[in-house]
Amino acid sequence: MRPLIRSLFVLSLTAGPLALAASPSPGALATAGAVSATSSSTSVQTRSEDAARVDARVRELEATIEGLRGEVRKIQEQDDARMLVIGDPNVHSLWP
């Protein structure tokens, strides 16, 4: 019985913050509504600026990924060439 009570207590500790996070307080909703009502014209401009920044960041990350892919390809080609010359380093006559 004691482990059941202990587990219910731990469950209540973990479920409490999740329940509070699921339903925001009325004050937060009122503030968000007032802010969105006053800045609706600037939000469109802000969204386009944010979209431009995100697009630039995506292009930068894609370029970085392509560079990394090139490096991986180069290392793989070197390993393949080494494998052709030496053979598999894990397969030799003294290996049990």
PDB file of N, CA and C in Angstrom:
ATOM      1  N   MET A   1       0.817  -1.196   0.000  1.00  0.00           N
ATOM      2  CA  MET A   1       0.000   0.000   0.000  1.00  0.00           C
ATOM      3  C   MET A   1       0.860   1.260   0.000  1.00  0.00           C
ATOM      4  N   ARG A   2       1.977   1.190   0.736  1.00  0.00           N
ATOM      5  CA  ARG A   2       2.833   2.360   0.832  1.00  0.00           C
ATOM      6  C   ARG A   2       3.434   2.748  -0.532  1.00  0.00           C
ATOM      7  N   PRO A   3       3.904   1.792  -1.356  1.00  0.00           N
ATOM      8  CA  PRO A   3       4.411   2.187  -2.685  1.00  0.00           C
ATOM      9  C   PRO A   3       3.332   2.816  -3.562  1.00  0.00           C
ATOM     10  N   LEU A   4       2.098   2.367  -3.429  1.00  0.00           N
ATOM     11  CA  LEU A   4       1.011   2.948  -4.204  1.00  0.00           C
ATOM     12  C   LEU A   4       0.790   4.400  -3.813  1.00  0.00           C
ATOM     13  N   ILE A   5       0.779   4.680  -2.531  1.00  0.00           N
ATOM     14  CA  ILE A   5       0.587   6.059  -2.058  1.00  0.00           C
ATOM     15  C   ILE A   5       1.749   6.922  -2.502  1.00  0.00           C
ATOM     16  N   ARG A   6       2.969   6.381  -2.394  1.00  0.00           N
ATOM     17  CA  ARG A   6       4.151   7.131  -2.813  1.00  0.00           C
ATOM     18  C   ARG A   6       4.106   7.430  -4.310  1.00  0.00           C
ATOM     19  N   SER A   7       3.687   6.463  -5.108  1.00  0.00           N
ATOM     20  CA  SER A   7       3.634   6.682  -6.549  1.00  0.00           C
ATOM     21  C   SER A   7       2.530   7.674  -6.912  1.00  0.00           C
ATOM     22  N   LEU A   8       1.418   7.646  -6.191  1.00  0.00           N
ATOM     23  CA  LEU A   8       0.357   8.629  -6.443  1.00  0.00           C
ATOM     24  C   LEU A   8       0.830  10.033  -6.096  1.00  0.00           C
ATOM     25  N   PHE A   9       1.613  10.144  -5.019  1.00  0.00           N
ATOM     26  CA  PHE A   9       2.147  11.444  -4.637  1.00  0.00           C
ATOM     27  C   PHE A   9       3.080  11.985  -5.721  1.00  0.00           C
ATOM     28  N   VAL A  10       3.967  11.132  -6.209  1.00  0.00           N
ATOM     29  CA  VAL A  10       4.892  11.551  -7.270  1.00  0.00           C
ATOM     30  C   VAL A  10       4.115  11.899  -8.534  1.00  0.00           C
ATOM     31  N   LEU A  11       3.095  11.137  -8.850  1.00  0.00           N
ATOM     32  CA  LEU A  11       2.270  11.424 -10.014  1.00  0.00           C
ATOM     33  C   LEU A  11       1.582  12.771  -9.881  1.00  0.00           C
ATOM     34  N   SER A  12       1.102  13.087  -8.671  1.00  0.00           N
ATOM     35  CA  SER A  12       0.446  14.376  -8.476  1.00  0.00           C
ATOM     36  C   SER A  12       1.440  15.522  -8.622  1.00  0.00           C
ATOM     37  N   LEU A  13       2.685  15.313  -8.196  1.00  0.00           N
ATOM     38  CA  LEU A  13       3.698  16.353  -8.357  1.00  0.00           C
ATOM     39  C   LEU A  13       4.025  16.604  -9.823  1.00  0.00           C
ATOM     40  N   THR A  14       4.016  15.561 -10.626  1.00  0.00           N
ATOM     41  CA  THR A  14       4.341  15.741 -12.038  1.00  0.00           C
ATOM     42  C   THR A  14       3.147  16.217 -12.849  1.00  0.00           C
ATOM     43  N   ALA A  15       1.935  15.842 -12.452  1.00  0.00           N
ATOM     44  CA  ALA A  15       0.752  16.221 -13.221  1.00  0.00           C
ATOM     45  C   ALA A  15       0.289  17.636 -12.916  1.00  0.00           C
ATOM     46  N   GLY A  16       0.603  18.162 -11.754  1.00  0.00           N
ATOM     47  CA  GLY A  16       0.166  19.505 -11.371  1.00  0.00           C
ATOM     48  C   GLY A  16       0.648  20.590 -12.323  1.00  0.00           C
ATOM     49  N   PRO A  17       1.946  20.703 -12.553  1.00  0.00           N
ATOM     50  CA  PRO A  17       2.425  21.741 -13.474  1.00  0.00           C
ATOM     51  C   PRO A  17       1.905  21.559 -14.897  1.00  0.00           C
ATOM     52  N   LEU A  18       1.708  20.322 -15.325  1.00  0.00           N
ATOM     53  CA  LEU A  18       1.190  20.091 -16.672  1.00  0.00           C
ATOM     54  C   LEU A  18      -0.248  20.599 -16.784  1.00  0.00           C
ATOM     55  N   ALA A  19      -1.034  20.413 -15.741  1.00  0.00           N
ATOM     56  CA  ALA A  19      -2.413  20.886 -15.766  1.00  0.00           C
ATOM     57  C   ALA A  19      -2.455  22.408 -15.778  1.00  0.00           C
ATOM     58  N   LEU A  20      -1.572  23.048 -15.022  1.00  0.00           N
ATOM     59  CA  LEU A  20      -1.535  24.504 -15.001  1.00  0.00           C
ATOM     60  C   LEU A  20      -1.043  25.066 -16.335  1.00  0.00           C
ATOM     61  N   ALA A  21      -0.131  24.378 -16.979  1.00  0.00           N
ATOM     62  CA  ALA A  21       0.402  24.847 -18.256  1.00  0.00           C
ATOM     63  C   ALA A  21      -0.626  24.707 -19.366  1.00  0.00           C
ATOM     64  N   ALA A  22      -1.539  23.761 -19.240  1.00  0.00           N
ATOM     65  CA  ALA A  22      -2.537  23.542 -20.284  1.00  0.00           C
ATOM     66  C   ALA A  22      -3.568  24.651 -20.329  1.00  0.00           C
ATOM     67  N   SER A  23      -3.863  25.271 -19.192  1.00  0.00           N
ATOM     68  CA  SER A  23      -4.883  26.329 -19.166  1.00  0.00           C
ATOM     69  C   SER A  23      -4.257  27.605 -18.627  1.00  0.00           C
ATOM     70  N   PRO A  24      -4.007  28.596 -19.482  1.00  0.00           N
ATOM     71  CA  PRO A  24      -3.396  29.840 -19.028  1.00  0.00           C
ATOM     72  C   PRO A  24      -4.356  30.633 -18.157  1.00  0.00           C
ATOM     73  N   SER A  25      -3.789  31.498 -17.334  1.00  0.00           N
ATOM     74  CA  SER A  25      -4.603  32.301 -16.430  1.00  0.00           C
ATOM     75  C   SER A  25      -5.388  33.350 -17.214  1.00  0.00           C
ATOM     76  N   PRO A  26      -6.535  33.819 -16.684  1.00  0.00           N
ATOM     77  CA  PRO A  26      -7.336  34.822 -17.382  1.00  0.00           C
ATOM     78  C   PRO A  26      -6.583  36.129 -17.587  1.00  0.00           C
ATOM     79  N   GLY A  27      -5.700  36.488 -16.658  1.00  0.00           N
ATOM     80  CA  GLY A  27      -4.923  37.718 -16.802  1.00  0.00           C
ATOM     81  C   GLY A  27      -4.005  37.658 -18.012  1.00  0.00           C
ATOM     82  N   ALA A  28      -3.427  36.530 -18.248  1.00  0.00           N
ATOM     83  CA  ALA A  28      -2.544  36.382 -19.403  1.00  0.00           C
ATOM     84  C   ALA A  28      -3.322  36.498 -20.702  1.00  0.00           C
ATOM     85  N   LEU A  29      -4.536  35.955 -20.718  1.00  0.00           N
ATOM     86  CA  LEU A  29      -5.365  36.053 -21.920  1.00  0.00           C
ATOM     87  C   LEU A  29      -5.788  37.489 -22.187  1.00  0.00           C
ATOM     88  N   ALA A  30      -6.148  38.226 -21.146  1.00  0.00           N
ATOM     89  CA  ALA A  30      -6.567  39.617 -21.325  1.00  0.00           C
ATOM     90  C   ALA A  30      -5.419  40.467 -21.827  1.00  0.00           C
ATOM     91  N   THR A  31      -4.237  40.273 -21.286  1.00  0.00           N
ATOM     92  CA  THR A  31      -3.073  41.035 -21.726  1.00  0.00           C
ATOM     93  C   THR A  31      -2.743  40.722 -23.177  1.00  0.00           C
ATOM     94  N   ALA A  32      -2.795  39.462 -23.539  1.00  0.00           N
ATOM     95  CA  ALA A  32      -2.494  39.084 -24.914  1.00  0.00           C
ATOM     96  C   ALA A  32      -3.515  39.663 -25.875  1.00  0.00           C
ATOM     97  N   GLY A  33      -4.768  39.718 -25.486  1.00  0.00           N
ATOM     98  CA  GLY A  33      -5.798  40.291 -26.349  1.00  0.00           C
ATOM     99  C   GLY A  33      -5.608  41.776 -26.535  1.00  0.00           C
ATOM    100  N   ALA A  34      -5.232  42.491 -25.475  1.00  0.00           N
ATOM    101  CA  ALA A  34      -5.009  43.926 -25.574  1.00  0.00           C
ATOM    102  C   ALA A  34      -3.808  44.220 -26.459  1.00  0.00           C
ATOM    103  N   VAL A  35      -2.776  43.441 -26.321  1.00  0.00           N
ATOM    104  CA  VAL A  35      -1.581  43.652 -27.128  1.00  0.00           C
ATOM    105  C   VAL A  35      -1.869  43.352 -28.588  1.00  0.00           C
ATOM    106  N   SER A  36      -2.601  42.264 -28.867  1.00  0.00           N
ATOM    107  CA  SER A  36      -2.872  41.920 -30.254  1.00  0.00           C
ATOM    108  C   SER A  36      -3.830  42.916 -30.898  1.00  0.00           C
ATOM    109  N   ALA A  37      -4.731  43.504 -30.134  1.00  0.00           N
ATOM    110  CA  ALA A  37      -5.660  44.473 -30.699  1.00  0.00           C
ATOM    111  C   ALA A  37      -4.957  45.772 -31.045  1.00  0.00           C
ATOM    112  N   THR A  38      -3.965  46.181 -30.285  1.00  0.00           N
ATOM    113  CA  THR A  38      -3.291  47.451 -30.547  1.00  0.00           C
ATOM    114  C   THR A  38      -2.204  47.326 -31.600  1.00  0.00           C
ATOM    115  N   SER A  39      -1.647  46.152 -31.772  1.00  0.00           N
ATOM    116  CA  SER A  39      -0.517  46.033 -32.687  1.00  0.00           C
ATOM    117  C   SER A  39      -0.816  45.110 -33.860  1.00  0.00           C
ATOM    118  N   SER A  40      -2.019  45.120 -34.357  1.00  0.00           N
ATOM    119  CA  SER A  40      -2.346  44.217 -35.466  1.00  0.00           C
ATOM    120  C   SER A  40      -1.674  44.648 -36.763  1.00  0.00           C
ATOM    121  N   SER A  41      -1.496  45.949 -36.981  1.00  0.00           N
ATOM    122  CA  SER A  41      -0.859  46.404 -38.216  1.00  0.00           C
ATOM    123  C   SER A  41       0.642  46.144 -38.196  1.00  0.00           C
ATOM    124  N   THR A  42       1.258  46.270 -37.034  1.00  0.00           N
ATOM    125  CA  THR A  42       2.693  46.038 -36.959  1.00  0.00           C
ATOM    126  C   THR A  42       3.020  44.552 -36.921  1.00  0.00           C
ATOM    127  N   SER A  43       2.049  43.714 -36.559  1.00  0.00           N
ATOM    128  CA  SER A  43       2.326  42.288 -36.489  1.00  0.00           C
ATOM    129  C   SER A  43       2.565  41.699 -37.874  1.00  0.00           C
ATOM    130  N   VAL A  44       1.894  42.228 -38.888  1.00  0.00           N
ATOM    131  CA  VAL A  44       2.106  41.732 -40.250  1.00  0.00           C
ATOM    132  C   VAL A  44       3.529  42.045 -40.700  1.00  0.00           C
ATOM    133  N   GLN A  45       3.985  43.258 -40.399  1.00  0.00           N
ATOM    134  CA  GLN A  45       5.341  43.639 -40.765  1.00  0.00           C
ATOM    135  C   GLN A  45       6.354  42.813 -39.968  1.00  0.00           C
ATOM    136  N   THR A  46       6.084  42.602 -38.692  1.00  0.00           N
ATOM    137  CA  THR A  46       6.975  41.810 -37.859  1.00  0.00           C
ATOM    138  C   THR A  46       7.044  40.379 -38.359  1.00  0.00           C
ATOM    139  N   ARG A  47       5.915  39.835 -38.764  1.00  0.00           N
ATOM    140  CA  ARG A  47       5.900  38.472 -39.275  1.00  0.00           C
ATOM    141  C   ARG A  47       6.735  38.350 -40.542  1.00  0.00           C
ATOM    142  N   SER A  48       6.635  39.347 -41.435  1.00  0.00           N
ATOM    143  CA  SER A  48       7.416  39.274 -42.669  1.00  0.00           C
ATOM    144  C   SER A  48       8.910  39.401 -42.368  1.00  0.00           C
ATOM    145  N   GLU A  49       9.265  40.248 -41.389  1.00  0.00           N
ATOM    146  CA  GLU A  49      10.672  40.368 -41.001  1.00  0.00           C
ATOM    147  C   GLU A  49      11.161  39.067 -40.375  1.00  0.00           C
ATOM    148  N   ASP A  50      10.322  38.471 -39.540  1.00  0.00           N
ATOM    149  CA  ASP A  50      10.682  37.194 -38.930  1.00  0.00           C
ATOM    150  C   ASP A  50      10.829  36.119 -39.998  1.00  0.00           C
ATOM    151  N   ALA A  51       9.940  36.114 -40.967  1.00  0.00           N
ATOM    152  CA  ALA A  51      10.012  35.123 -42.045  1.00  0.00           C
ATOM    153  C   ALA A  51      11.291  35.314 -42.853  1.00  0.00           C
ATOM    154  N   ALA A  52      11.677  36.559 -43.094  1.00  0.00           N
ATOM    155  CA  ALA A  52      12.908  36.820 -43.841  1.00  0.00           C
ATOM    156  C   ALA A  52      14.123  36.341 -43.051  1.00  0.00           C
ATOM    157  N   ARG A  53      14.127  36.580 -41.728  1.00  0.00           N
ATOM    158  CA  ARG A  53      15.230  36.114 -40.900  1.00  0.00           C
ATOM    159  C   ARG A  53      15.286  34.588 -40.870  1.00  0.00           C
ATOM    160  N   VAL A  54      14.133  33.964 -40.777  1.00  0.00           N
ATOM    161  CA  VAL A  54      14.092  32.505 -40.746  1.00  0.00           C
ATOM    162  C   VAL A  54      14.576  31.939 -42.072  1.00  0.00           C
ATOM    163  N   ASP A  55      14.148  32.533 -43.178  1.00  0.00           N
ATOM    164  CA  ASP A  55      14.597  32.071 -44.493  1.00  0.00           C
ATOM    165  C   ASP A  55      16.114  32.212 -44.645  1.00  0.00           C
ATOM    166  N   ALA A  56      16.659  33.329 -44.166  1.00  0.00           N
ATOM    167  CA  ALA A  56      18.107  33.525 -44.247  1.00  0.00           C
ATOM    168  C   ALA A  56      18.830  32.491 -43.398  1.00  0.00           C
ATOM    169  N   ARG A  57      18.301  32.220 -42.224  1.00  0.00           N
ATOM    170  CA  ARG A  57      18.921  31.222 -41.339  1.00  0.00           C
ATOM    171  C   ARG A  57      18.840  29.822 -41.955  1.00  0.00           C
ATOM    172  N   VAL A  58      17.715  29.519 -42.599  1.00  0.00           N
ATOM    173  CA  VAL A  58      17.563  28.210 -43.249  1.00  0.00           C
ATOM    174  C   VAL A  58      18.571  28.057 -44.376  1.00  0.00           C
ATOM    175  N   ARG A  59      18.734  29.102 -45.191  1.00  0.00           N
ATOM    176  CA  ARG A  59      19.717  29.040 -46.276  1.00  0.00           C
ATOM    177  C   ARG A  59      21.130  28.860 -45.722  1.00  0.00           C
ATOM    178  N   GLU A  60      21.440  29.543 -44.624  1.00  0.00           N
ATOM    179  CA  GLU A  60      22.755  29.419 -43.997  1.00  0.00           C
ATOM    180  C   GLU A  60      22.978  27.990 -43.483  1.00  0.00           C
ATOM    181  N   LEU A  61      21.956  27.427 -42.857  1.00  0.00           N
ATOM    182  CA  LEU A  61      22.072  26.059 -42.344  1.00  0.00           C
ATOM    183  C   LEU A  61      22.183  25.042 -43.471  1.00  0.00           C
ATOM    184  N   GLU A  62      21.450  25.267 -44.573  1.00  0.00           N
ATOM    185  CA  GLU A  62      21.553  24.365 -45.719  1.00  0.00           C
ATOM    186  C   GLU A  62      22.950  24.398 -46.311  1.00  0.00           C
ATOM    187  N   ALA A  63      23.551  25.587 -46.382  1.00  0.00           N
ATOM    188  CA  ALA A  63      24.920  25.699 -46.892  1.00  0.00           C
ATOM    189  C   ALA A  63      25.900  24.972 -45.967  1.00  0.00           C
ATOM    190  N   THR A  64      25.691  25.099 -44.661  1.00  0.00           N
ATOM    191  CA  THR A  64      26.545  24.410 -43.700  1.00  0.00           C
ATOM    192  C   THR A  64      26.408  22.897 -43.840  1.00  0.00           C
ATOM    193  N   ILE A  65      25.183  22.435 -44.008  1.00  0.00           N
ATOM    194  CA  ILE A  65      24.938  20.998 -44.167  1.00  0.00           C
ATOM    195  C   ILE A  65      25.593  20.481 -45.435  1.00  0.00           C
ATOM    196  N   GLU A  66      25.494  21.231 -46.519  1.00  0.00           N
ATOM    197  CA  GLU A  66      26.137  20.812 -47.765  1.00  0.00           C
ATOM    198  C   GLU A  66      27.653  20.736 -47.597  1.00  0.00           C
ATOM    199  N   GLY A  67      28.226  21.687 -46.879  1.00  0.00           N
ATOM    200  CA  GLY A  67      29.661  21.648 -46.611  1.00  0.00           C
ATOM    201  C   GLY A  67      30.051  20.416 -45.806  1.00  0.00           C
ATOM    202  N   LEU A  68      29.239  20.095 -44.799  1.00  0.00           N
ATOM    203  CA  LEU A  68      29.505  18.903 -43.988  1.00  0.00           C
ATOM    204  C   LEU A  68      29.343  17.632 -44.804  1.00  0.00           C
ATOM    205  N   ARG A  69      28.352  17.605 -45.677  1.00  0.00           N
ATOM    206  CA  ARG A  69      28.173  16.435 -46.537  1.00  0.00           C
ATOM    207  C   ARG A  69      29.387  16.236 -47.438  1.00  0.00           C
ATOM    208  N   GLY A  70      29.936  17.338 -47.955  1.00  0.00           N
ATOM    209  CA  GLY A  70      31.132  17.249 -48.784  1.00  0.00           C
ATOM    210  C   GLY A  70      32.318  16.698 -48.011  1.00  0.00           C
ATOM    211  N   GLU A  71      32.471  17.144 -46.761  1.00  0.00           N
ATOM    212  CA  GLU A  71      33.558  16.641 -45.934  1.00  0.00           C
ATOM    213  C   GLU A  71      33.379  15.151 -45.645  1.00  0.00           C
ATOM    214  N   VAL A  72      32.144  14.744 -45.340  1.00  0.00           N
ATOM    215  CA  VAL A  72      31.876  13.330 -45.073  1.00  0.00           C
ATOM    216  C   VAL A  72      32.149  12.497 -46.318  1.00  0.00           C
ATOM    217  N   ARG A  73      31.723  12.998 -47.467  1.00  0.00           N
ATOM    218  CA  ARG A  73      31.972  12.292 -48.720  1.00  0.00           C
ATOM    219  C   ARG A  73      33.473  12.125 -48.956  1.00  0.00           C
ATOM    220  N   LYS A  74      34.252  13.187 -48.689  1.00  0.00           N
ATOM    221  CA  LYS A  74      35.695  13.150 -48.876  1.00  0.00           C
ATOM    222  C   LYS A  74      36.334  12.123 -47.939  1.00  0.00           C
ATOM    223  N   ILE A  75      35.918  12.097 -46.679  1.00  0.00           N
ATOM    224  CA  ILE A  75      36.452  11.133 -45.714  1.00  0.00           C
ATOM    225  C   ILE A  75      36.068   9.711 -46.106  1.00  0.00           C
ATOM    226  N   GLN A  76      34.841   9.533 -46.578  1.00  0.00           N
ATOM    227  CA  GLN A  76      34.401   8.197 -47.003  1.00  0.00           C
ATOM    228  C   GLN A  76      35.212   7.717 -48.193  1.00  0.00           C
ATOM    229  N   GLU A  77      35.505   8.611 -49.140  1.00  0.00           N
ATOM    230  CA  GLU A  77      36.327   8.229 -50.289  1.00  0.00           C
ATOM    231  C   GLU A  77      37.732   7.854 -49.850  1.00  0.00           C
ATOM    232  N   GLN A  78      38.296   8.586 -48.885  1.00  0.00           N
ATOM    233  CA  GLN A  78      39.619   8.247 -48.369  1.00  0.00           C
ATOM    234  C   GLN A  78      39.607   6.882 -47.686  1.00  0.00           C
ATOM    235  N   ASP A  79      38.559   6.619 -46.900  1.00  0.00           N
ATOM    236  CA  ASP A  79      38.454   5.313 -46.239  1.00  0.00           C
ATOM    237  C   ASP A  79      38.286   4.192 -47.248  1.00  0.00           C
ATOM    238  N   ASP A  80      37.507   4.443 -48.294  1.00  0.00           N
ATOM    239  CA  ASP A  80      37.340   3.422 -49.336  1.00  0.00           C
ATOM    240  C   ASP A  80      38.648   3.147 -50.050  1.00  0.00           C
ATOM    241  N   ALA A  81      39.416   4.212 -50.362  1.00  0.00           N
ATOM    242  CA  ALA A  81      40.710   4.031 -51.016  1.00  0.00           C
ATOM    243  C   ALA A  81      41.669   3.276 -50.100  1.00  0.00           C
ATOM    244  N   ARG A  82      41.668   3.580 -48.819  1.00  0.00           N
ATOM    245  CA  ARG A  82      42.519   2.876 -47.852  1.00  0.00           C
ATOM    246  C   ARG A  82      42.112   1.408 -47.770  1.00  0.00           C
ATOM    247  N   MET A  83      40.805   1.149 -47.795  1.00  0.00           N
ATOM    248  CA  MET A  83      40.307  -0.225 -47.729  1.00  0.00           C
ATOM    249  C   MET A  83      40.764  -1.017 -48.943  1.00  0.00           C
ATOM    250  N   LEU A  84      40.794  -0.379 -50.117  1.00  0.00           N
ATOM    251  CA  LEU A  84      41.245  -1.071 -51.321  1.00  0.00           C
ATOM    252  C   LEU A  84      42.730  -1.405 -51.249  1.00  0.00           C
ATOM    253  N   VAL A  85      43.520  -0.512 -50.670  1.00  0.00           N
ATOM    254  CA  VAL A  85      44.963  -0.722 -50.595  1.00  0.00           C
ATOM    255  C   VAL A  85      45.316  -1.706 -49.485  1.00  0.00           C
ATOM    256  N   ILE A  86      44.801  -1.497 -48.294  1.00  0.00           N
ATOM    257  CA  ILE A  86      45.180  -2.293 -47.128  1.00  0.00           C
ATOM    258  C   ILE A  86      44.266  -3.493 -46.946  1.00  0.00           C
ATOM    259  N   GLY A  87      43.022  -3.324 -47.233  1.00  0.00           N
ATOM    260  CA  GLY A  87      42.029  -4.346 -46.934  1.00  0.00           C
ATOM    261  C   GLY A  87      41.303  -3.976 -45.647  1.00  0.00           C
ATOM    262  N   ASP A  88      40.417  -4.814 -45.226  1.00  0.00           N
ATOM    263  CA  ASP A  88      39.653  -4.551 -44.017  1.00  0.00           C
ATOM    264  C   ASP A  88      40.579  -4.681 -42.808  1.00  0.00           C
ATOM    265  N   PRO A  89      40.730  -3.623 -41.996  1.00  0.00           N
ATOM    266  CA  PRO A  89      41.648  -3.699 -40.852  1.00  0.00           C
ATOM    267  C   PRO A  89      41.169  -4.676 -39.774  1.00  0.00           C
ATOM    268  N   ASN A  90      39.922  -5.050 -39.767  1.00  0.00           N
ATOM    269  CA  ASN A  90      39.394  -5.965 -38.754  1.00  0.00           C
ATOM    270  C   ASN A  90      39.462  -7.421 -39.181  1.00  0.00           C
ATOM    271  N   VAL A  91      39.895  -7.672 -40.397  1.00  0.00           N
ATOM    272  CA  VAL A  91      39.978  -9.061 -40.881  1.00  0.00           C
ATOM    273  C   VAL A  91      41.437  -9.355 -41.212  1.00  0.00           C
ATOM    274  N   HIS A  92      42.065 -10.195 -40.383  1.00  0.00           N
ATOM    275  CA  HIS A  92      43.419 -10.658 -40.679  1.00  0.00           C
ATOM    276  C   HIS A  92      43.613 -12.018 -40.041  1.00  0.00           C
ATOM    277  N   SER A  93      44.709 -12.652 -40.378  1.00  0.00           N
ATOM    278  CA  SER A  93      44.907 -14.050 -39.996  1.00  0.00           C
ATOM    279  C   SER A  93      45.096 -14.243 -38.495  1.00  0.00           C
ATOM    280  N   LEU A  94      45.565 -13.256 -37.774  1.00  0.00           N
ATOM    281  CA  LEU A  94      45.797 -13.405 -36.341  1.00  0.00           C
ATOM    282  C   LEU A  94      44.564 -13.068 -35.509  1.00  0.00           C
ATOM    283  N   TRP A  95      43.541 -12.562 -36.145  1.00  0.00           N
ATOM    284  CA  TRP A  95      42.319 -12.220 -35.408  1.00  0.00           C
ATOM    285  C   TRP A  95      41.530 -13.483 -35.120  1.00  0.00           C
ATOM    286  N   PRO A  96      41.133 -13.720 -33.870  1.00  0.00           N
ATOM    287  CA  PRO A  96      40.452 -14.979 -33.542  1.00  0.00           C
ATOM    288  C   PRO A  96      39.102 -15.130 -34.176  1.00  0.00           C
TER     289      PRO A  96
END
